[in-house]
Amino acid sequence: MTELSSRRVVTLGRIAGAFGVKGWVKVVSNTSPQENIIDYPIWLLGRDGQWIECKVVSARLHGKGVVANLEGVLDRDQAQAMKGTDIAVYRDQLPEAQEGEYYWIDLEGLQVRTETGVDLGHVDHIFDTGANGVLVVIGERERLVPFVTGQVVKRVDLQQRVIVVDWDPEF
């Protein structure tokens, strides 16, 4: 394991506990499909924003989940001690987003304006409702704006760092 540089990171899952007696861990993957987390040979493991790099020795689908063997994790006790640890990768390791699709991390910090130019604030973070993402916009007050392209979100301009929405500023 090596120390993390200052590059941006994206959380992809977490360690759910030990798997077997030889140091393997059970992984909860937030990737879609869940086995995409296996595509990254180096994971960033951390808690509370403190990250270290760790080589993935081996990983595979197992039943309805993913299991992995990590460098330096040799027995069940070490694996169990990692329970709750977040798994992330560097942002620049992710594939390019398709046209009209965005990584949530790229939307965080963008200014949100109505089509009439009213500044609502900036995207603090995003959460998923199952039906769609929701932008948590912090300005003079907090607003929850559904991330529904075409209907609510009219334009995302990553270069200008702005999201234009059809949204009532009083709502």
N, C-alpha and C. Protein backbone atom coordinates (compact mmCIF):
# COMPACT_ATOMS: atom_id res chain seq x y z
N MET A 1 0.84 -1.18 0.00
CA MET A 1 0.00 0.00 0.00
C MET A 1 0.88 1.24 0.00
N THR A 2 0.48 2.22 -0.80
CA THR A 2 1.25 3.46 -0.86
C THR A 2 0.34 4.64 -0.55
N GLU A 3 0.94 5.78 -0.22
CA GLU A 3 0.17 6.97 0.11
C GLU A 3 -0.44 7.59 -1.13
N LEU A 4 -1.57 8.23 -0.96
CA LEU A 4 -2.33 8.85 -2.04
C LEU A 4 -1.78 10.22 -2.39
N SER A 5 -1.74 10.50 -3.69
CA SER A 5 -1.38 11.86 -4.12
C SER A 5 -2.61 12.75 -3.98
N SER A 6 -2.52 13.97 -4.47
CA SER A 6 -3.62 14.93 -4.30
C SER A 6 -4.65 14.87 -5.42
N ARG A 7 -4.63 13.85 -6.28
CA ARG A 7 -5.61 13.74 -7.36
C ARG A 7 -7.02 13.51 -6.81
N ARG A 8 -8.03 13.95 -7.57
CA ARG A 8 -9.43 13.76 -7.16
C ARG A 8 -9.79 12.28 -7.17
N VAL A 9 -10.63 11.88 -6.24
CA VAL A 9 -11.05 10.48 -6.15
C VAL A 9 -12.56 10.36 -6.24
N VAL A 10 -13.00 9.19 -6.72
CA VAL A 10 -14.41 8.88 -6.85
C VAL A 10 -14.67 7.57 -6.11
N THR A 11 -15.59 7.59 -5.16
CA THR A 11 -15.91 6.38 -4.40
C THR A 11 -16.78 5.46 -5.25
N LEU A 12 -16.35 4.19 -5.34
CA LEU A 12 -17.06 3.20 -6.15
C LEU A 12 -17.75 2.13 -5.32
N GLY A 13 -17.46 2.05 -4.04
CA GLY A 13 -18.06 1.00 -3.20
C GLY A 13 -17.44 1.01 -1.82
N ARG A 14 -17.62 -0.13 -1.12
CA ARG A 14 -17.03 -0.27 0.22
C ARG A 14 -16.81 -1.74 0.51
N ILE A 15 -16.00 -1.99 1.51
CA ILE A 15 -15.75 -3.37 1.95
C ILE A 15 -16.81 -3.71 2.99
N ALA A 16 -17.49 -4.85 2.75
CA ALA A 16 -18.59 -5.25 3.62
C ALA A 16 -18.15 -6.21 4.72
N GLY A 17 -16.97 -6.80 4.58
CA GLY A 17 -16.49 -7.73 5.59
C GLY A 17 -15.56 -8.76 4.99
N ALA A 18 -15.24 -9.77 5.78
CA ALA A 18 -14.32 -10.83 5.35
C ALA A 18 -15.05 -11.87 4.51
N PHE A 19 -14.30 -12.52 3.63
CA PHE A 19 -14.81 -13.63 2.83
C PHE A 19 -13.79 -14.76 2.94
N GLY A 20 -14.15 -15.82 3.62
CA GLY A 20 -13.23 -16.94 3.81
C GLY A 20 -12.17 -16.64 4.85
N VAL A 21 -11.11 -17.45 4.84
CA VAL A 21 -10.07 -17.34 5.87
C VAL A 21 -8.72 -16.86 5.33
N LYS A 22 -8.62 -16.61 4.02
CA LYS A 22 -7.33 -16.26 3.42
C LYS A 22 -7.18 -14.78 3.08
N GLY A 23 -7.95 -13.92 3.74
CA GLY A 23 -7.77 -12.48 3.55
C GLY A 23 -8.64 -11.84 2.49
N TRP A 24 -9.52 -12.60 1.87
CA TRP A 24 -10.42 -12.01 0.87
C TRP A 24 -11.47 -11.16 1.57
N VAL A 25 -11.98 -10.16 0.83
CA VAL A 25 -13.03 -9.29 1.37
C VAL A 25 -14.26 -9.33 0.47
N LYS A 26 -15.43 -9.14 1.10
CA LYS A 26 -16.68 -8.96 0.36
C LYS A 26 -16.80 -7.48 0.02
N VAL A 27 -17.23 -7.20 -1.20
CA VAL A 27 -17.29 -5.83 -1.69
C VAL A 27 -18.72 -5.47 -2.06
N VAL A 28 -19.17 -4.31 -1.61
CA VAL A 28 -20.42 -3.72 -2.07
C VAL A 28 -20.02 -2.71 -3.15
N SER A 29 -20.39 -3.00 -4.38
CA SER A 29 -20.00 -2.15 -5.51
C SER A 29 -21.15 -1.25 -5.91
N ASN A 30 -20.85 0.03 -6.12
CA ASN A 30 -21.84 1.00 -6.61
C ASN A 30 -21.73 1.20 -8.11
N THR A 31 -20.88 0.41 -8.77
CA THR A 31 -20.74 0.54 -10.22
C THR A 31 -21.89 -0.19 -10.90
N SER A 32 -22.13 0.12 -12.14
CA SER A 32 -23.19 -0.54 -12.89
C SER A 32 -22.64 -0.99 -14.24
N PRO A 33 -22.56 -2.30 -14.46
CA PRO A 33 -22.88 -3.38 -13.52
C PRO A 33 -21.84 -3.46 -12.40
N GLN A 34 -22.23 -4.14 -11.32
CA GLN A 34 -21.41 -4.15 -10.11
C GLN A 34 -20.01 -4.71 -10.32
N GLU A 35 -19.82 -5.60 -11.28
CA GLU A 35 -18.49 -6.17 -11.51
C GLU A 35 -17.53 -5.20 -12.18
N ASN A 36 -17.99 -4.04 -12.62
CA ASN A 36 -17.08 -3.05 -13.21
C ASN A 36 -16.01 -2.60 -12.23
N ILE A 37 -16.26 -2.72 -10.94
CA ILE A 37 -15.26 -2.35 -9.95
C ILE A 37 -14.00 -3.20 -10.09
N ILE A 38 -14.15 -4.39 -10.65
CA ILE A 38 -13.03 -5.31 -10.85
C ILE A 38 -12.06 -4.78 -11.91
N ASP A 39 -12.51 -3.90 -12.78
CA ASP A 39 -11.68 -3.38 -13.87
C ASP A 39 -10.52 -2.52 -13.40
N TYR A 40 -10.51 -2.13 -12.14
CA TYR A 40 -9.47 -1.23 -11.63
C TYR A 40 -8.45 -2.03 -10.81
N PRO A 41 -7.20 -2.11 -11.28
CA PRO A 41 -6.19 -2.93 -10.59
C PRO A 41 -5.65 -2.30 -9.31
N ILE A 42 -5.83 -1.01 -9.16
CA ILE A 42 -5.42 -0.31 -7.93
C ILE A 42 -6.66 0.36 -7.36
N TRP A 43 -6.95 0.06 -6.09
CA TRP A 43 -8.05 0.72 -5.40
C TRP A 43 -7.48 1.69 -4.39
N LEU A 44 -8.22 2.72 -4.12
CA LEU A 44 -7.92 3.63 -3.03
C LEU A 44 -8.82 3.21 -1.88
N LEU A 45 -8.24 2.90 -0.76
CA LEU A 45 -9.00 2.46 0.40
C LEU A 45 -8.93 3.56 1.45
N GLY A 46 -10.08 3.86 2.04
CA GLY A 46 -10.04 4.94 3.01
C GLY A 46 -11.27 5.07 3.86
N ARG A 47 -11.09 5.91 4.86
CA ARG A 47 -12.16 6.33 5.76
C ARG A 47 -11.97 7.81 6.03
N ASP A 48 -13.06 8.52 6.12
CA ASP A 48 -13.03 9.96 6.45
C ASP A 48 -12.11 10.75 5.53
N GLY A 49 -12.07 10.39 4.24
CA GLY A 49 -11.30 11.15 3.27
C GLY A 49 -9.80 10.90 3.28
N GLN A 50 -9.32 9.99 4.11
CA GLN A 50 -7.91 9.62 4.14
C GLN A 50 -7.74 8.35 3.31
N TRP A 51 -6.97 8.42 2.23
CA TRP A 51 -6.88 7.33 1.26
C TRP A 51 -5.47 6.76 1.17
N ILE A 52 -5.39 5.45 0.92
CA ILE A 52 -4.13 4.80 0.57
C ILE A 52 -4.38 3.93 -0.65
N GLU A 53 -3.35 3.80 -1.49
CA GLU A 53 -3.46 2.94 -2.66
C GLU A 53 -3.22 1.49 -2.25
N CYS A 54 -3.97 0.59 -2.87
CA CYS A 54 -3.82 -0.84 -2.58
C CYS A 54 -4.01 -1.62 -3.88
N LYS A 55 -3.10 -2.53 -4.16
CA LYS A 55 -3.19 -3.35 -5.36
C LYS A 55 -4.22 -4.46 -5.14
N VAL A 56 -5.06 -4.66 -6.16
CA VAL A 56 -6.02 -5.76 -6.16
C VAL A 56 -5.30 -6.97 -6.76
N VAL A 57 -5.03 -7.97 -5.93
CA VAL A 57 -4.32 -9.17 -6.39
C VAL A 57 -5.24 -10.00 -7.27
N SER A 58 -6.49 -10.15 -6.83
CA SER A 58 -7.47 -10.92 -7.57
C SER A 58 -8.86 -10.46 -7.14
N ALA A 59 -9.82 -10.53 -8.06
CA ALA A 59 -11.20 -10.16 -7.74
C ALA A 59 -12.11 -10.89 -8.71
N ARG A 60 -13.34 -11.16 -8.25
CA ARG A 60 -14.29 -11.88 -9.11
C ARG A 60 -15.71 -11.72 -8.57
N LEU A 61 -16.65 -12.02 -9.46
CA LEU A 61 -18.05 -12.14 -9.03
C LEU A 61 -18.16 -13.41 -8.21
N HIS A 62 -18.95 -13.34 -7.15
CA HIS A 62 -19.22 -14.53 -6.35
C HIS A 62 -20.67 -14.44 -5.90
N GLY A 63 -21.51 -15.33 -6.43
CA GLY A 63 -22.94 -15.26 -6.14
C GLY A 63 -23.50 -13.95 -6.64
N LYS A 64 -24.14 -13.20 -5.74
CA LYS A 64 -24.73 -11.92 -6.12
C LYS A 64 -23.82 -10.74 -5.80
N GLY A 65 -22.56 -11.02 -5.45
CA GLY A 65 -21.67 -9.93 -5.08
C GLY A 65 -20.29 -10.09 -5.69
N VAL A 66 -19.37 -9.27 -5.18
CA VAL A 66 -17.99 -9.26 -5.63
C VAL A 66 -17.10 -9.55 -4.43
N VAL A 67 -16.06 -10.35 -4.66
CA VAL A 67 -15.06 -10.61 -3.63
C VAL A 67 -13.69 -10.25 -4.19
N ALA A 68 -12.77 -9.87 -3.30
CA ALA A 68 -11.44 -9.44 -3.76
C ALA A 68 -10.37 -9.84 -2.76
N ASN A 69 -9.19 -10.10 -3.30
CA ASN A 69 -8.00 -10.35 -2.50
C ASN A 69 -7.08 -9.16 -2.70
N LEU A 70 -6.74 -8.47 -1.61
CA LEU A 70 -5.96 -7.25 -1.67
C LEU A 70 -4.55 -7.49 -1.16
N GLU A 71 -3.58 -6.84 -1.81
CA GLU A 71 -2.19 -6.98 -1.40
C GLU A 71 -2.03 -6.59 0.07
N GLY A 72 -1.35 -7.45 0.83
CA GLY A 72 -1.08 -7.17 2.23
C GLY A 72 -2.16 -7.63 3.19
N VAL A 73 -3.28 -8.09 2.67
CA VAL A 73 -4.36 -8.60 3.52
C VAL A 73 -4.29 -10.13 3.44
N LEU A 74 -3.78 -10.75 4.52
CA LEU A 74 -3.40 -12.16 4.45
C LEU A 74 -4.32 -13.11 5.20
N ASP A 75 -5.15 -12.60 6.11
CA ASP A 75 -6.02 -13.51 6.86
C ASP A 75 -7.37 -12.88 7.15
N ARG A 76 -8.25 -13.69 7.71
CA ARG A 76 -9.62 -13.25 7.96
C ARG A 76 -9.68 -12.05 8.92
N ASP A 77 -8.83 -12.04 9.93
CA ASP A 77 -8.85 -10.94 10.90
C ASP A 77 -8.50 -9.61 10.23
N GLN A 78 -7.49 -9.62 9.36
CA GLN A 78 -7.13 -8.40 8.65
C GLN A 78 -8.27 -7.97 7.72
N ALA A 79 -8.89 -8.93 7.05
CA ALA A 79 -10.00 -8.62 6.15
C ALA A 79 -11.18 -8.04 6.92
N GLN A 80 -11.51 -8.65 8.06
CA GLN A 80 -12.65 -8.18 8.85
C GLN A 80 -12.40 -6.77 9.40
N ALA A 81 -11.15 -6.47 9.71
CA ALA A 81 -10.81 -5.14 10.22
C ALA A 81 -11.04 -4.05 9.17
N MET A 82 -11.14 -4.43 7.91
CA MET A 82 -11.35 -3.46 6.83
C MET A 82 -12.83 -3.18 6.58
N LYS A 83 -13.71 -3.87 7.29
CA LYS A 83 -15.16 -3.68 7.10
C LYS A 83 -15.50 -2.20 7.24
N GLY A 84 -16.28 -1.69 6.28
CA GLY A 84 -16.69 -0.28 6.29
C GLY A 84 -15.74 0.65 5.55
N THR A 85 -14.60 0.13 5.10
CA THR A 85 -13.64 0.94 4.36
C THR A 85 -14.19 1.26 2.97
N ASP A 86 -14.10 2.52 2.57
CA ASP A 86 -14.55 2.92 1.24
C ASP A 86 -13.53 2.50 0.19
N ILE A 87 -14.04 2.21 -1.01
CA ILE A 87 -13.21 1.87 -2.17
C ILE A 87 -13.41 2.97 -3.20
N ALA A 88 -12.31 3.52 -3.68
CA ALA A 88 -12.38 4.60 -4.67
C ALA A 88 -11.29 4.40 -5.72
N VAL A 89 -11.38 5.20 -6.77
CA VAL A 89 -10.33 5.26 -7.80
C VAL A 89 -10.09 6.73 -8.10
N TYR A 90 -8.98 7.00 -8.77
CA TYR A 90 -8.74 8.36 -9.23
C TYR A 90 -9.75 8.71 -10.30
N ARG A 91 -10.22 9.96 -10.32
CA ARG A 91 -11.19 10.41 -11.31
C ARG A 91 -10.69 10.19 -12.73
N ASP A 92 -9.40 10.41 -12.97
CA ASP A 92 -8.89 10.27 -14.33
C ASP A 92 -8.76 8.82 -14.80
N GLN A 93 -9.06 7.87 -13.92
CA GLN A 93 -9.08 6.46 -14.33
C GLN A 93 -10.43 6.06 -14.95
N LEU A 94 -11.46 6.85 -14.71
CA LEU A 94 -12.79 6.52 -15.22
C LEU A 94 -12.83 6.75 -16.73
N PRO A 95 -13.60 5.92 -17.43
CA PRO A 95 -13.74 6.15 -18.87
C PRO A 95 -14.48 7.46 -19.14
N GLU A 96 -14.29 8.01 -20.33
CA GLU A 96 -15.00 9.23 -20.69
C GLU A 96 -16.51 8.97 -20.66
N ALA A 97 -17.25 9.94 -20.16
CA ALA A 97 -18.71 9.83 -20.13
C ALA A 97 -19.24 9.97 -21.56
N GLN A 98 -20.32 9.29 -21.83
CA GLN A 98 -20.97 9.38 -23.13
C GLN A 98 -21.62 10.76 -23.28
N GLU A 99 -21.91 11.15 -24.50
CA GLU A 99 -22.57 12.43 -24.77
C GLU A 99 -23.88 12.50 -23.97
N GLY A 100 -24.07 13.58 -23.24
CA GLY A 100 -25.28 13.77 -22.46
C GLY A 100 -25.28 13.05 -21.12
N GLU A 101 -24.20 12.36 -20.77
CA GLU A 101 -24.07 11.70 -19.48
C GLU A 101 -22.95 12.38 -18.70
N TYR A 102 -23.06 12.33 -17.36
CA TYR A 102 -22.10 13.04 -16.52
C TYR A 102 -21.79 12.21 -15.29
N TYR A 103 -20.55 12.29 -14.86
CA TYR A 103 -20.20 11.74 -13.55
C TYR A 103 -20.61 12.77 -12.52
N TRP A 104 -21.22 12.30 -11.45
CA TRP A 104 -21.70 13.21 -10.43
C TRP A 104 -20.58 14.09 -9.89
N ILE A 105 -19.41 13.53 -9.72
CA ILE A 105 -18.29 14.32 -9.18
C ILE A 105 -17.98 15.53 -10.06
N ASP A 106 -18.24 15.41 -11.38
CA ASP A 106 -17.98 16.52 -12.29
C ASP A 106 -19.04 17.62 -12.17
N LEU A 107 -20.19 17.29 -11.61
CA LEU A 107 -21.26 18.28 -11.45
C LEU A 107 -21.15 19.04 -10.12
N GLU A 108 -20.47 18.43 -9.15
CA GLU A 108 -20.33 19.07 -7.85
C GLU A 108 -19.54 20.37 -7.99
N GLY A 109 -20.06 21.42 -7.41
CA GLY A 109 -19.42 22.73 -7.47
C GLY A 109 -19.91 23.61 -8.59
N LEU A 110 -20.63 23.05 -9.57
CA LEU A 110 -21.14 23.87 -10.67
C LEU A 110 -22.23 24.82 -10.18
N GLN A 111 -22.28 26.02 -10.78
CA GLN A 111 -23.34 26.98 -10.49
C GLN A 111 -24.63 26.50 -11.14
N VAL A 112 -25.75 26.75 -10.50
CA VAL A 112 -27.06 26.39 -11.04
C VAL A 112 -27.84 27.67 -11.24
N ARG A 113 -28.32 27.86 -12.48
CA ARG A 113 -29.10 29.06 -12.84
C ARG A 113 -30.38 28.65 -13.53
N THR A 114 -31.39 29.47 -13.37
CA THR A 114 -32.63 29.23 -14.10
C THR A 114 -32.45 29.71 -15.53
N GLU A 115 -33.39 29.35 -16.38
CA GLU A 115 -33.34 29.79 -17.78
C GLU A 115 -33.44 31.31 -17.90
N THR A 116 -34.01 31.95 -16.88
CA THR A 116 -34.13 33.41 -16.89
C THR A 116 -32.93 34.09 -16.23
N GLY A 117 -31.93 33.31 -15.82
CA GLY A 117 -30.70 33.87 -15.28
C GLY A 117 -30.64 34.03 -13.77
N VAL A 118 -31.64 33.53 -13.04
CA VAL A 118 -31.61 33.62 -11.59
C VAL A 118 -30.61 32.59 -11.05
N ASP A 119 -29.64 33.06 -10.25
CA ASP A 119 -28.63 32.19 -9.67
C ASP A 119 -29.22 31.49 -8.44
N LEU A 120 -29.26 30.15 -8.47
CA LEU A 120 -29.81 29.38 -7.35
C LEU A 120 -28.73 28.95 -6.37
N GLY A 121 -27.47 28.97 -6.79
CA GLY A 121 -26.38 28.53 -5.93
C GLY A 121 -25.49 27.55 -6.66
N HIS A 122 -24.80 26.69 -5.90
CA HIS A 122 -23.91 25.70 -6.49
C HIS A 122 -24.32 24.29 -6.04
N VAL A 123 -23.93 23.30 -6.83
CA VAL A 123 -24.23 21.90 -6.49
C VAL A 123 -23.29 21.49 -5.37
N ASP A 124 -23.86 21.20 -4.21
CA ASP A 124 -23.07 20.73 -3.07
C ASP A 124 -22.79 19.24 -3.20
N HIS A 125 -23.83 18.48 -3.49
CA HIS A 125 -23.70 17.05 -3.73
C HIS A 125 -24.96 16.56 -4.43
N ILE A 126 -24.96 15.28 -4.77
CA ILE A 126 -26.08 14.68 -5.50
C ILE A 126 -26.43 13.37 -4.81
N PHE A 127 -27.71 13.06 -4.76
CA PHE A 127 -28.11 11.75 -4.25
C PHE A 127 -29.11 11.12 -5.20
N ASP A 128 -29.28 9.82 -5.08
CA ASP A 128 -30.13 9.06 -5.99
C ASP A 128 -31.42 8.69 -5.30
N THR A 129 -32.54 8.87 -5.99
CA THR A 129 -33.85 8.49 -5.45
C THR A 129 -34.32 7.16 -5.99
N GLY A 130 -33.58 6.59 -6.93
CA GLY A 130 -34.03 5.40 -7.62
C GLY A 130 -34.60 5.75 -8.98
N ALA A 131 -35.38 6.82 -9.04
CA ALA A 131 -35.95 7.29 -10.31
C ALA A 131 -34.99 8.23 -11.03
N ASN A 132 -34.28 9.06 -10.26
CA ASN A 132 -33.34 10.02 -10.85
C ASN A 132 -32.43 10.56 -9.75
N GLY A 133 -31.38 11.24 -10.18
CA GLY A 133 -30.53 11.94 -9.24
C GLY A 133 -31.18 13.23 -8.81
N VAL A 134 -30.76 13.75 -7.66
CA VAL A 134 -31.27 15.03 -7.16
C VAL A 134 -30.07 15.89 -6.79
N LEU A 135 -30.02 17.09 -7.39
CA LEU A 135 -28.98 18.06 -7.08
C LEU A 135 -29.31 18.75 -5.76
N VAL A 136 -28.38 18.76 -4.83
CA VAL A 136 -28.55 19.54 -3.61
C VAL A 136 -27.82 20.86 -3.88
N VAL A 137 -28.61 21.91 -4.08
CA VAL A 137 -28.09 23.22 -4.48
C VAL A 137 -28.08 24.13 -3.26
N ILE A 138 -26.89 24.66 -2.98
CA ILE A 138 -26.73 25.55 -1.84
C ILE A 138 -26.53 26.97 -2.36
N GLY A 139 -27.42 27.86 -1.95
CA GLY A 139 -27.34 29.27 -2.29
C GLY A 139 -27.78 30.05 -1.08
N GLU A 140 -28.71 31.00 -1.27
CA GLU A 140 -29.23 31.71 -0.11
C GLU A 140 -30.04 30.76 0.77
N ARG A 141 -30.42 29.62 0.18
CA ARG A 141 -31.03 28.52 0.94
C ARG A 141 -30.76 27.22 0.18
N GLU A 142 -31.07 26.11 0.79
CA GLU A 142 -30.86 24.82 0.13
C GLU A 142 -32.07 24.47 -0.72
N ARG A 143 -31.79 23.99 -1.94
CA ARG A 143 -32.85 23.53 -2.84
C ARG A 143 -32.52 22.12 -3.31
N LEU A 144 -33.55 21.33 -3.53
CA LEU A 144 -33.41 19.99 -4.10
C LEU A 144 -33.99 20.05 -5.51
N VAL A 145 -33.12 19.87 -6.50
CA VAL A 145 -33.52 20.01 -7.90
C VAL A 145 -33.33 18.66 -8.59
N PRO A 146 -34.40 18.06 -9.11
CA PRO A 146 -34.27 16.77 -9.79
C PRO A 146 -33.36 16.88 -11.02
N PHE A 147 -32.46 15.93 -11.17
CA PHE A 147 -31.59 15.92 -12.35
C PHE A 147 -32.28 15.10 -13.43
N VAL A 148 -33.22 15.75 -14.10
CA VAL A 148 -33.99 15.13 -15.18
C VAL A 148 -33.68 15.95 -16.43
N THR A 149 -32.83 15.40 -17.30
CA THR A 149 -32.43 16.15 -18.49
C THR A 149 -33.61 16.34 -19.43
N GLY A 150 -33.64 17.51 -20.04
CA GLY A 150 -34.72 17.85 -20.96
C GLY A 150 -35.89 18.49 -20.26
N GLN A 151 -36.35 17.87 -19.18
CA GLN A 151 -37.51 18.40 -18.47
C GLN A 151 -37.11 19.49 -17.46
N VAL A 152 -36.15 19.20 -16.59
CA VAL A 152 -35.71 20.17 -15.59
C VAL A 152 -34.34 20.73 -15.96
N VAL A 153 -33.40 19.84 -16.21
CA VAL A 153 -32.05 20.27 -16.58
C VAL A 153 -32.01 20.53 -18.08
N LYS A 154 -31.84 21.78 -18.43
CA LYS A 154 -31.87 22.17 -19.84
C LYS A 154 -30.49 22.13 -20.49
N ARG A 155 -29.46 22.44 -19.70
CA ARG A 155 -28.11 22.46 -20.28
C ARG A 155 -27.09 22.29 -19.17
N VAL A 156 -26.07 21.49 -19.45
CA VAL A 156 -24.92 21.36 -18.56
C VAL A 156 -23.70 21.80 -19.36
N ASP A 157 -23.00 22.79 -18.85
CA ASP A 157 -21.80 23.29 -19.51
C ASP A 157 -20.63 23.13 -18.54
N LEU A 158 -19.88 22.02 -18.73
CA LEU A 158 -18.76 21.74 -17.84
C LEU A 158 -17.64 22.77 -18.00
N GLN A 159 -17.48 23.31 -19.21
CA GLN A 159 -16.43 24.31 -19.44
C GLN A 159 -16.74 25.62 -18.71
N GLN A 160 -17.99 26.05 -18.79
CA GLN A 160 -18.39 27.29 -18.11
C GLN A 160 -18.78 27.04 -16.65
N ARG A 161 -18.84 25.76 -16.25
CA ARG A 161 -19.16 25.32 -14.88
C ARG A 161 -20.55 25.81 -14.43
N VAL A 162 -21.55 25.57 -15.34
CA VAL A 162 -22.91 26.00 -15.04
C VAL A 162 -23.92 24.96 -15.51
N ILE A 163 -24.99 24.85 -14.73
CA ILE A 163 -26.14 24.01 -15.10
C ILE A 163 -27.34 24.96 -15.20
N VAL A 164 -28.01 24.92 -16.35
CA VAL A 164 -29.20 25.75 -16.56
C VAL A 164 -30.41 24.85 -16.37
N VAL A 165 -31.35 25.33 -15.53
CA VAL A 165 -32.53 24.52 -15.18
C VAL A 165 -33.82 25.29 -15.41
N ASP A 166 -34.88 24.54 -15.66
CA ASP A 166 -36.23 25.09 -15.69
C ASP A 166 -36.79 24.82 -14.29
N TRP A 167 -36.62 25.80 -13.39
CA TRP A 167 -36.97 25.59 -11.99
C TRP A 167 -37.45 26.92 -11.40
N ASP A 168 -38.52 26.87 -10.66
CA ASP A 168 -39.06 28.07 -10.01
C ASP A 168 -38.15 28.44 -8.83
N PRO A 169 -37.55 29.62 -8.85
CA PRO A 169 -36.64 30.02 -7.76
C PRO A 169 -37.33 30.09 -6.40
N GLU A 170 -38.66 30.19 -6.39
CA GLU A 170 -39.39 30.25 -5.12
C GLU A 170 -39.63 28.86 -4.54
N PHE A 171 -39.38 27.83 -5.33
CA PHE A 171 -39.64 26.45 -4.87
C PHE A 171 -38.46 25.90 -4.13
